[in-house]
N, C-alpha and C. Protein backbone atom coordinates (compact mmCIF):
# COMPACT_ATOMS: atom_id res chain seq x y z
N MET A 1 19.88 -29.21 72.92
CA MET A 1 19.79 -29.74 71.55
C MET A 1 18.77 -29.95 70.87
N SER A 2 18.71 -29.75 69.71
CA SER A 2 17.14 -29.91 68.95
C SER A 2 17.03 -31.30 68.37
N LEU A 3 15.74 -31.59 68.16
CA LEU A 3 15.49 -32.83 67.62
C LEU A 3 16.12 -32.70 66.24
N LEU A 4 16.27 -31.91 65.45
CA LEU A 4 16.16 -32.00 64.25
C LEU A 4 18.11 -32.17 64.11
N ASN A 5 18.41 -31.89 65.02
CA ASN A 5 20.19 -32.01 64.92
C ASN A 5 20.61 -33.25 65.71
N HIS A 6 19.74 -34.00 66.46
CA HIS A 6 20.06 -35.26 67.41
C HIS A 6 20.48 -36.30 66.08
N ARG A 7 21.82 -36.84 66.43
CA ARG A 7 22.23 -37.93 65.74
C ARG A 7 22.25 -39.25 66.63
N THR A 8 21.93 -40.47 65.55
CA THR A 8 22.01 -41.80 66.23
C THR A 8 22.68 -42.69 65.16
N ARG A 9 23.98 -43.09 65.81
CA ARG A 9 24.88 -43.92 64.78
C ARG A 9 24.97 -43.15 63.63
N GLY A 10 25.20 -42.05 63.40
CA GLY A 10 25.55 -41.22 62.23
C GLY A 10 24.53 -40.84 61.65
N PHE A 11 23.13 -40.98 61.84
CA PHE A 11 22.02 -40.52 61.16
C PHE A 11 21.12 -39.56 62.15
N ARG A 12 20.45 -38.81 61.39
CA ARG A 12 19.80 -37.93 62.35
C ARG A 12 18.47 -38.43 62.40
N THR A 13 17.92 -38.24 63.38
CA THR A 13 16.70 -38.91 64.16
C THR A 13 15.70 -38.49 63.07
N ILE A 14 15.57 -37.41 62.51
CA ILE A 14 14.50 -37.04 61.58
C ILE A 14 14.57 -37.70 60.43
N ASN A 15 15.57 -38.12 60.04
CA ASN A 15 15.86 -38.88 58.65
C ASN A 15 15.07 -40.29 58.83
N VAL A 16 15.67 -40.77 60.11
CA VAL A 16 15.13 -42.09 60.34
C VAL A 16 13.84 -42.20 60.28
N VAL A 17 12.93 -41.25 60.83
CA VAL A 17 11.55 -41.30 61.21
C VAL A 17 10.85 -40.94 59.65
N PHE A 18 11.63 -40.27 58.90
CA PHE A 18 10.83 -40.21 57.53
C PHE A 18 11.13 -41.05 56.79
N CYS A 19 12.18 -41.77 56.84
CA CYS A 19 12.51 -43.13 56.08
C CYS A 19 11.53 -44.32 56.46
N ALA A 20 11.20 -44.17 57.82
CA ALA A 20 10.20 -45.44 58.10
C ALA A 20 8.76 -44.92 57.66
N LEU A 21 8.39 -43.66 57.68
CA LEU A 21 7.01 -43.18 57.27
C LEU A 21 7.12 -43.50 55.65
N LEU A 22 8.26 -43.31 55.08
CA LEU A 22 8.09 -43.73 53.68
C LEU A 22 7.70 -45.22 53.06
N ALA A 23 8.35 -46.07 54.31
CA ALA A 23 8.40 -47.44 53.94
C ALA A 23 7.03 -47.56 54.14
N ALA A 24 6.28 -47.19 55.19
CA ALA A 24 4.91 -47.51 55.57
C ALA A 24 4.18 -46.98 54.59
N THR A 25 4.34 -45.70 54.06
CA THR A 25 3.44 -45.34 52.80
C THR A 25 3.68 -46.19 51.71
N ALA A 26 4.79 -46.66 51.45
CA ALA A 26 4.89 -47.68 50.21
C ALA A 26 4.10 -49.07 50.30
N VAL A 27 4.17 -49.44 51.52
CA VAL A 27 3.52 -50.75 51.85
C VAL A 27 1.99 -50.40 51.82
N THR A 28 1.56 -49.63 52.15
CA THR A 28 0.07 -49.10 52.07
C THR A 28 -0.22 -48.83 50.89
N VAL A 29 0.44 -48.24 50.09
CA VAL A 29 -0.01 -48.11 48.61
C VAL A 29 0.07 -49.39 48.01
N LEU A 30 0.91 -50.42 48.19
CA LEU A 30 0.96 -51.68 47.45
C LEU A 30 -0.10 -52.40 47.85
N LEU A 31 -0.69 -52.37 49.30
CA LEU A 31 -1.60 -53.15 49.66
C LEU A 31 -3.02 -52.74 48.88
N ALA A 32 -3.34 -51.33 48.97
CA ALA A 32 -4.43 -50.55 48.44
C ALA A 32 -4.42 -51.04 46.88
N LYS A 33 -3.44 -50.82 46.22
CA LYS A 33 -3.24 -51.32 44.80
C LYS A 33 -3.68 -52.71 44.63
N ALA A 34 -3.23 -53.59 45.30
CA ALA A 34 -3.58 -54.98 45.18
C ALA A 34 -5.14 -55.12 45.73
N TYR A 35 -5.68 -54.56 46.70
CA TYR A 35 -7.12 -54.62 46.86
C TYR A 35 -7.80 -53.95 45.63
N ALA A 36 -7.25 -53.08 45.07
CA ALA A 36 -8.45 -52.45 44.02
C ALA A 36 -8.29 -53.35 42.85
N GLY A 37 -7.02 -54.05 42.59
CA GLY A 37 -7.07 -54.99 41.48
C GLY A 37 -7.77 -56.19 41.76
N ARG A 38 -8.18 -56.61 42.80
CA ARG A 38 -9.01 -57.68 43.27
C ARG A 38 -10.41 -57.25 42.95
N GLU A 39 -10.73 -55.96 43.22
CA GLU A 39 -11.99 -55.40 43.10
C GLU A 39 -12.27 -55.26 41.66
N VAL A 40 -11.45 -55.00 40.73
CA VAL A 40 -11.60 -54.71 39.27
C VAL A 40 -11.79 -56.02 38.76
N ARG A 41 -11.10 -57.06 39.12
CA ARG A 41 -11.51 -58.33 38.78
C ARG A 41 -12.63 -58.82 38.96
N ASP A 42 -13.17 -58.61 40.28
CA ASP A 42 -14.58 -58.75 40.65
C ASP A 42 -15.66 -58.12 39.75
N ILE A 43 -15.36 -56.77 39.53
CA ILE A 43 -16.20 -56.00 38.74
C ILE A 43 -16.17 -56.64 37.31
N ALA A 44 -15.19 -56.92 36.59
CA ALA A 44 -15.21 -57.52 35.28
C ALA A 44 -15.92 -58.84 35.25
N ARG A 45 -15.84 -59.36 36.33
CA ARG A 45 -16.49 -60.90 36.22
C ARG A 45 -17.87 -60.80 36.60
N THR A 46 -18.25 -59.77 37.28
CA THR A 46 -19.60 -59.41 37.45
C THR A 46 -20.25 -59.05 36.06
N GLU A 47 -19.75 -57.84 35.56
CA GLU A 47 -19.82 -57.60 34.15
C GLU A 47 -20.18 -58.38 33.09
N ARG A 48 -19.29 -59.43 33.03
CA ARG A 48 -19.22 -60.60 31.93
C ARG A 48 -20.51 -61.55 32.34
N SER A 49 -21.00 -61.79 33.75
CA SER A 49 -22.09 -62.36 34.28
C SER A 49 -23.09 -61.45 33.45
N ILE A 50 -23.39 -60.69 34.14
CA ILE A 50 -24.51 -59.59 33.26
C ILE A 50 -24.77 -59.82 31.98
N GLY A 51 -23.63 -59.49 31.29
CA GLY A 51 -23.80 -59.80 29.65
C GLY A 51 -24.28 -61.17 29.28
N GLU A 52 -23.67 -62.41 29.81
CA GLU A 52 -24.02 -63.67 29.75
C GLU A 52 -25.69 -63.92 29.86
N GLU A 53 -25.90 -62.91 31.02
CA GLU A 53 -27.49 -63.02 31.46
C GLU A 53 -28.44 -62.59 30.46
N ASN A 54 -27.98 -61.22 30.22
CA ASN A 54 -28.82 -60.40 29.18
C ASN A 54 -28.73 -61.56 27.86
N LYS A 55 -27.58 -61.99 27.37
CA LYS A 55 -27.76 -63.00 26.08
C LYS A 55 -28.84 -64.10 26.20
N ARG A 56 -28.86 -64.45 27.57
CA ARG A 56 -29.94 -65.40 27.89
C ARG A 56 -31.15 -65.17 27.90
N ILE A 57 -31.55 -63.91 28.27
CA ILE A 57 -32.86 -63.22 28.31
C ILE A 57 -33.21 -62.92 27.02
N ARG A 58 -32.46 -62.50 25.95
CA ARG A 58 -32.93 -62.12 24.70
C ARG A 58 -33.06 -63.44 23.73
N LEU A 59 -32.24 -64.39 24.31
CA LEU A 59 -32.54 -65.87 23.86
C LEU A 59 -33.96 -66.51 24.29
N LEU A 60 -34.06 -66.23 25.57
CA LEU A 60 -35.40 -66.78 25.97
C LEU A 60 -36.74 -65.98 25.64
N LYS A 61 -36.73 -64.63 25.38
CA LYS A 61 -37.66 -63.74 24.66
C LYS A 61 -37.84 -64.14 23.02
N ALA A 62 -37.06 -64.55 22.53
CA ALA A 62 -36.90 -64.77 21.08
C ALA A 62 -37.60 -66.21 21.14
N GLU A 63 -37.31 -67.36 21.90
CA GLU A 63 -38.12 -68.48 22.16
C GLU A 63 -39.62 -68.32 22.42
N VAL A 64 -39.72 -67.51 23.40
CA VAL A 64 -41.37 -67.26 23.94
C VAL A 64 -41.89 -66.68 22.72
N ALA A 65 -41.38 -65.85 21.83
CA ALA A 65 -42.20 -65.12 20.63
C ALA A 65 -42.18 -66.27 19.83
N HIS A 66 -41.31 -67.17 19.44
CA HIS A 66 -41.52 -68.41 18.61
C HIS A 66 -42.57 -69.08 19.05
N LEU A 67 -42.78 -69.49 20.43
CA LEU A 67 -43.61 -70.34 20.70
C LEU A 67 -45.16 -69.87 20.78
N GLU A 68 -45.10 -68.47 21.04
CA GLU A 68 -46.36 -68.01 21.17
C GLU A 68 -47.04 -67.24 19.83
N GLN A 69 -46.45 -67.78 18.47
CA GLN A 69 -46.83 -67.49 17.12
C GLN A 69 -48.40 -68.15 16.98
N PRO A 70 -49.07 -67.29 16.57
CA PRO A 70 -50.87 -67.74 16.41
C PRO A 70 -50.82 -69.02 15.51
N GLU A 71 -50.09 -68.93 14.47
CA GLU A 71 -50.19 -69.97 13.41
C GLU A 71 -49.58 -71.36 13.78
N ARG A 72 -48.31 -71.09 14.64
CA ARG A 72 -48.09 -72.42 15.23
C ARG A 72 -48.94 -73.16 16.46
N LEU A 73 -49.61 -72.02 17.24
CA LEU A 73 -50.51 -72.74 18.10
C LEU A 73 -51.82 -73.35 17.27
N GLN A 74 -52.28 -72.63 16.48
CA GLN A 74 -53.50 -73.32 15.69
C GLN A 74 -53.16 -74.43 15.09
N ARG A 75 -51.70 -74.61 14.27
CA ARG A 75 -51.60 -75.83 14.03
C ARG A 75 -51.24 -77.00 14.97
N LEU A 76 -50.70 -76.68 16.14
CA LEU A 76 -50.58 -77.58 17.17
C LEU A 76 -51.86 -77.88 17.77
N SER A 77 -52.81 -77.10 17.63
CA SER A 77 -54.10 -77.46 18.68
C SER A 77 -55.05 -78.27 17.56
N LYS A 78 -54.83 -78.23 16.07
CA LYS A 78 -55.56 -78.99 15.19
C LYS A 78 -54.82 -80.20 15.33
N ALA A 79 -53.53 -80.36 15.14
CA ALA A 79 -52.93 -81.77 15.09
C ALA A 79 -53.08 -82.45 16.41
N LEU A 80 -52.63 -82.05 17.39
CA LEU A 80 -52.84 -82.50 18.77
C LEU A 80 -54.00 -82.76 19.60
N LEU A 81 -54.92 -81.80 19.30
CA LEU A 81 -56.16 -81.68 20.22
C LEU A 81 -57.48 -81.93 19.31
N GLY A 82 -57.20 -81.92 18.28
CA GLY A 82 -58.25 -81.84 17.27
C GLY A 82 -59.18 -80.56 17.23
N MET A 83 -58.67 -79.59 17.72
CA MET A 83 -59.43 -78.29 17.52
C MET A 83 -59.24 -77.61 16.44
N ALA A 84 -60.52 -76.97 16.22
CA ALA A 84 -60.49 -75.88 14.78
C ALA A 84 -61.55 -74.95 15.17
N PRO A 85 -61.24 -73.92 14.29
CA PRO A 85 -62.23 -72.86 14.74
C PRO A 85 -63.54 -73.18 14.41
N LEU A 86 -64.54 -72.47 15.20
CA LEU A 86 -65.93 -72.64 15.21
C LEU A 86 -66.58 -72.39 13.81
N SER A 87 -67.45 -73.03 13.21
CA SER A 87 -68.02 -72.83 12.14
C SER A 87 -69.28 -71.98 12.34
N ALA A 88 -69.70 -71.40 11.28
CA ALA A 88 -70.87 -70.35 11.25
C ALA A 88 -72.10 -70.95 11.72
N THR A 89 -72.24 -72.38 11.50
CA THR A 89 -73.67 -73.02 11.97
C THR A 89 -73.55 -73.25 13.49
N ARG A 90 -72.49 -73.03 14.03
CA ARG A 90 -72.42 -73.20 15.76
C ARG A 90 -72.75 -71.90 16.42
N GLU A 91 -73.18 -71.02 15.44
CA GLU A 91 -73.61 -69.46 16.34
C GLU A 91 -75.05 -69.74 16.58
N GLY A 92 -75.57 -68.92 17.51
CA GLY A 92 -76.80 -68.98 18.06
C GLY A 92 -77.15 -67.41 18.85
N ASP A 93 -78.21 -67.38 19.06
CA ASP A 93 -78.81 -66.06 19.68
C ASP A 93 -79.12 -66.36 21.18
N ILE A 94 -79.58 -65.31 21.71
CA ILE A 94 -80.03 -65.51 23.38
C ILE A 94 -81.14 -66.39 23.62
N ASN A 95 -82.04 -66.61 22.62
CA ASN A 95 -83.03 -67.44 22.42
C ASN A 95 -82.89 -68.85 22.55
N SER A 96 -81.65 -69.24 22.08
CA SER A 96 -81.40 -70.62 21.57
C SER A 96 -80.35 -71.10 22.85
N LEU A 97 -79.96 -70.24 23.98
CA LEU A 97 -79.40 -70.86 25.30
C LEU A 97 -79.97 -72.01 25.71
N PRO A 98 -81.19 -72.09 26.15
CA PRO A 98 -81.58 -73.19 26.72
C PRO A 98 -81.64 -74.61 26.00
N ALA A 99 -81.68 -74.35 24.55
CA ALA A 99 -81.46 -75.67 23.76
C ALA A 99 -79.97 -75.96 23.77
N ILE A 100 -78.91 -74.95 23.91
CA ILE A 100 -77.84 -75.28 23.90
C ILE A 100 -77.14 -75.88 25.12
N ALA A 101 -77.89 -75.50 26.29
CA ALA A 101 -77.59 -75.90 27.64
C ALA A 101 -78.23 -77.20 27.60
N ALA A 102 -79.27 -77.79 26.94
CA ALA A 102 -79.83 -79.16 27.10
C ALA A 102 -79.06 -79.72 26.31
N GLY A 103 -78.32 -79.23 25.57
CA GLY A 103 -77.39 -80.54 24.41
C GLY A 103 -77.87 -80.56 23.18
N TYR A 104 -79.15 -80.06 22.87
CA TYR A 104 -79.42 -80.05 21.48
C TYR A 104 -78.33 -78.99 20.43
N ALA A 105 -78.29 -79.63 19.30
CA ALA A 105 -77.66 -78.67 18.35
C ALA A 105 -78.17 -77.45 18.16
N PRO A 106 -77.27 -76.50 18.14
CA PRO A 106 -77.78 -75.18 17.95
C PRO A 106 -78.23 -74.75 16.56
N PRO A 107 -79.29 -73.69 16.62
CA PRO A 107 -80.07 -73.40 15.44
C PRO A 107 -78.80 -72.78 14.27
N THR A 108 -79.45 -72.74 13.17
CA THR A 108 -78.67 -72.28 12.02
C THR A 108 -78.50 -71.00 12.13
N PRO A 109 -77.50 -70.11 11.89
CA PRO A 109 -77.00 -68.89 11.94
C PRO A 109 -78.09 -67.89 11.90
N ILE A 110 -78.19 -66.80 12.69
CA ILE A 110 -79.31 -65.64 12.51
C ILE A 110 -79.14 -65.11 11.08
N ALA A 111 -78.03 -65.14 10.38
CA ALA A 111 -78.03 -64.18 9.10
C ALA A 111 -78.63 -65.02 8.07
N THR A 112 -79.23 -66.39 8.19
CA THR A 112 -80.04 -66.81 7.21
C THR A 112 -81.55 -66.37 7.43
N PRO A 113 -82.15 -65.92 6.56
CA PRO A 113 -83.68 -65.60 6.71
C PRO A 113 -84.51 -66.70 7.09
N THR A 114 -84.24 -67.79 6.31
CA THR A 114 -85.35 -69.29 6.36
C THR A 114 -84.81 -69.94 7.64
N ALA A 115 -83.74 -69.42 8.23
CA ALA A 115 -83.75 -70.42 9.48
C ALA A 115 -84.64 -70.25 10.85
N PRO A 116 -85.40 -71.21 11.12
CA PRO A 116 -86.44 -70.84 12.21
C PRO A 116 -85.92 -70.75 13.46
N GLU A 117 -86.35 -69.77 14.09
CA GLU A 117 -85.82 -69.35 15.60
C GLU A 117 -86.41 -70.53 16.62
N VAL A 118 -85.44 -71.22 17.49
CA VAL A 118 -85.95 -72.29 18.58
C VAL A 118 -86.36 -71.35 19.66
N GLN A 119 -87.45 -71.68 20.25
CA GLN A 119 -87.99 -71.05 21.39
C GLN A 119 -87.55 -72.04 22.60
N PRO A 120 -87.63 -71.35 23.73
CA PRO A 120 -87.41 -72.47 24.65
C PRO A 120 -88.46 -73.05 24.86
N GLU A 121 -89.75 -72.82 24.57
CA GLU A 121 -90.79 -73.68 24.72
C GLU A 121 -90.96 -74.86 23.66
N GLU A 122 -90.42 -74.63 22.72
CA GLU A 122 -90.39 -75.71 21.92
C GLU A 122 -89.69 -77.07 22.02
N VAL A 123 -88.66 -76.95 22.82
CA VAL A 123 -87.66 -77.68 23.44
C VAL A 123 -88.16 -78.66 24.35
N PRO A 124 -88.27 -79.96 24.12
CA PRO A 124 -89.00 -80.83 25.16
C PRO A 124 -88.19 -81.14 26.16
N GLY A 125 -88.72 -81.07 27.60
CA GLY A 125 -87.99 -81.35 28.68
C GLY A 125 -87.54 -79.98 29.24
N ILE A 126 -87.70 -78.88 28.46
CA ILE A 126 -87.31 -77.65 29.30
C ILE A 126 -88.32 -76.87 29.45
N ASP A 127 -88.37 -76.54 30.68
CA ASP A 127 -89.56 -75.88 31.32
C ASP A 127 -89.34 -74.26 30.77
N THR A 128 -90.21 -73.59 30.63
CA THR A 128 -90.12 -71.89 30.37
C THR A 128 -89.92 -71.36 31.59
N PRO A 129 -88.66 -70.52 31.50
CA PRO A 129 -88.23 -70.01 32.60
C PRO A 129 -89.48 -68.92 33.00
N ALA A 130 -89.49 -68.55 34.35
CA ALA A 130 -90.57 -67.65 34.68
C ALA A 130 -89.97 -66.31 34.73
N PRO A 131 -90.64 -65.20 34.26
CA PRO A 131 -89.71 -63.93 33.96
C PRO A 131 -89.41 -63.44 35.39
N VAL A 132 -88.20 -62.60 35.40
CA VAL A 132 -87.61 -62.29 36.77
C VAL A 132 -88.08 -60.87 36.67
N ALA A 133 -88.58 -60.46 37.91
CA ALA A 133 -88.64 -59.20 38.23
C ALA A 133 -87.59 -58.23 38.94
N ALA A 134 -87.24 -57.40 38.19
CA ALA A 134 -86.13 -56.61 38.91
C ALA A 134 -86.25 -56.00 39.84
N GLU A 135 -85.71 -55.96 40.90
CA GLU A 135 -85.97 -55.39 42.08
C GLU A 135 -85.26 -54.12 42.24
N VAL A 136 -85.89 -53.00 42.35
CA VAL A 136 -85.22 -51.69 42.24
C VAL A 136 -84.91 -51.35 43.72
N VAL A 137 -83.56 -51.07 43.83
CA VAL A 137 -82.96 -50.51 45.26
C VAL A 137 -82.56 -49.05 45.09
N ALA A 138 -83.10 -48.49 45.89
CA ALA A 138 -82.93 -46.89 45.85
C ALA A 138 -81.31 -47.00 46.69
N PRO A 139 -80.47 -46.10 46.30
CA PRO A 139 -79.27 -45.73 46.97
C PRO A 139 -79.61 -45.11 48.28
N VAL A 140 -78.85 -45.48 49.14
CA VAL A 140 -79.16 -44.85 50.77
C VAL A 140 -78.21 -43.62 50.69
N ALA A 141 -78.93 -42.49 50.64
CA ALA A 141 -78.15 -41.25 50.84
C ALA A 141 -77.98 -40.63 52.24
N ALA A 142 -76.60 -40.30 52.43
CA ALA A 142 -76.10 -39.68 53.71
C ALA A 142 -76.62 -38.68 54.21
N PRO A 143 -76.93 -38.39 55.19
CA PRO A 143 -77.96 -37.31 55.65
C PRO A 143 -76.98 -36.11 55.58
N VAL A 144 -77.65 -35.01 55.21
CA VAL A 144 -77.00 -33.98 55.01
C VAL A 144 -77.02 -32.87 56.40
N ALA A 145 -75.97 -32.63 56.91
CA ALA A 145 -76.03 -31.69 57.85
C ALA A 145 -75.68 -30.14 57.69
N ASN A 146 -76.73 -29.29 58.02
CA ASN A 146 -76.59 -27.88 57.87
C ASN A 146 -75.82 -27.26 59.03
N ASN A 147 -75.70 -27.92 60.07
CA ASN A 147 -74.92 -27.28 61.07
C ASN A 147 -73.36 -27.40 61.06
N PRO A 148 -72.38 -26.75 61.09
CA PRO A 148 -71.13 -27.09 60.97
C PRO A 148 -70.60 -27.86 62.22
N ALA A 149 -71.36 -27.67 63.18
CA ALA A 149 -71.07 -28.33 64.46
C ALA A 149 -71.17 -29.84 64.52
N GLU A 150 -72.25 -29.99 63.73
CA GLU A 150 -72.41 -31.61 63.57
C GLU A 150 -71.75 -32.45 62.55
N THR A 151 -71.09 -31.81 61.72
CA THR A 151 -70.04 -32.29 60.88
C THR A 151 -68.76 -32.21 61.26
N GLY A 152 -68.43 -31.64 62.40
CA GLY A 152 -66.92 -31.60 62.92
C GLY A 152 -66.10 -30.65 62.34
N GLN A 153 -66.88 -29.50 61.78
CA GLN A 153 -66.24 -28.73 61.11
C GLN A 153 -65.75 -27.36 62.14
């Protein structure tokens, strides 16, 4: 007797096996579909979160651009800190650095031909700095080897 012709309570055994496989396949498909639906919801939630974060990033970039406006910063520094742009009378040259360091008012701008230059020896209490001799250091050259055995070649 063959397995294909064997009967159990009026049903062929092969039909019962196929019905069981069909039921198992249907349950597996339904579980996979439920799992996929859950994954789709998670992906949609993550995409919404990314969109909200992108909106927040754009908002923060706009706020930074507003806060970093030079006109706004200048207005705030003037109103809150009493800061203002330097006037031309505050400019000096290299010769006036000792006077500025000592706390004296800087000389008038260099652009005016009638302004006297302040020399370091004219400022009371400031010693004339001694000239600094520049020390020349020759670079150390690597020894040149003509023998390839010495260079490891």
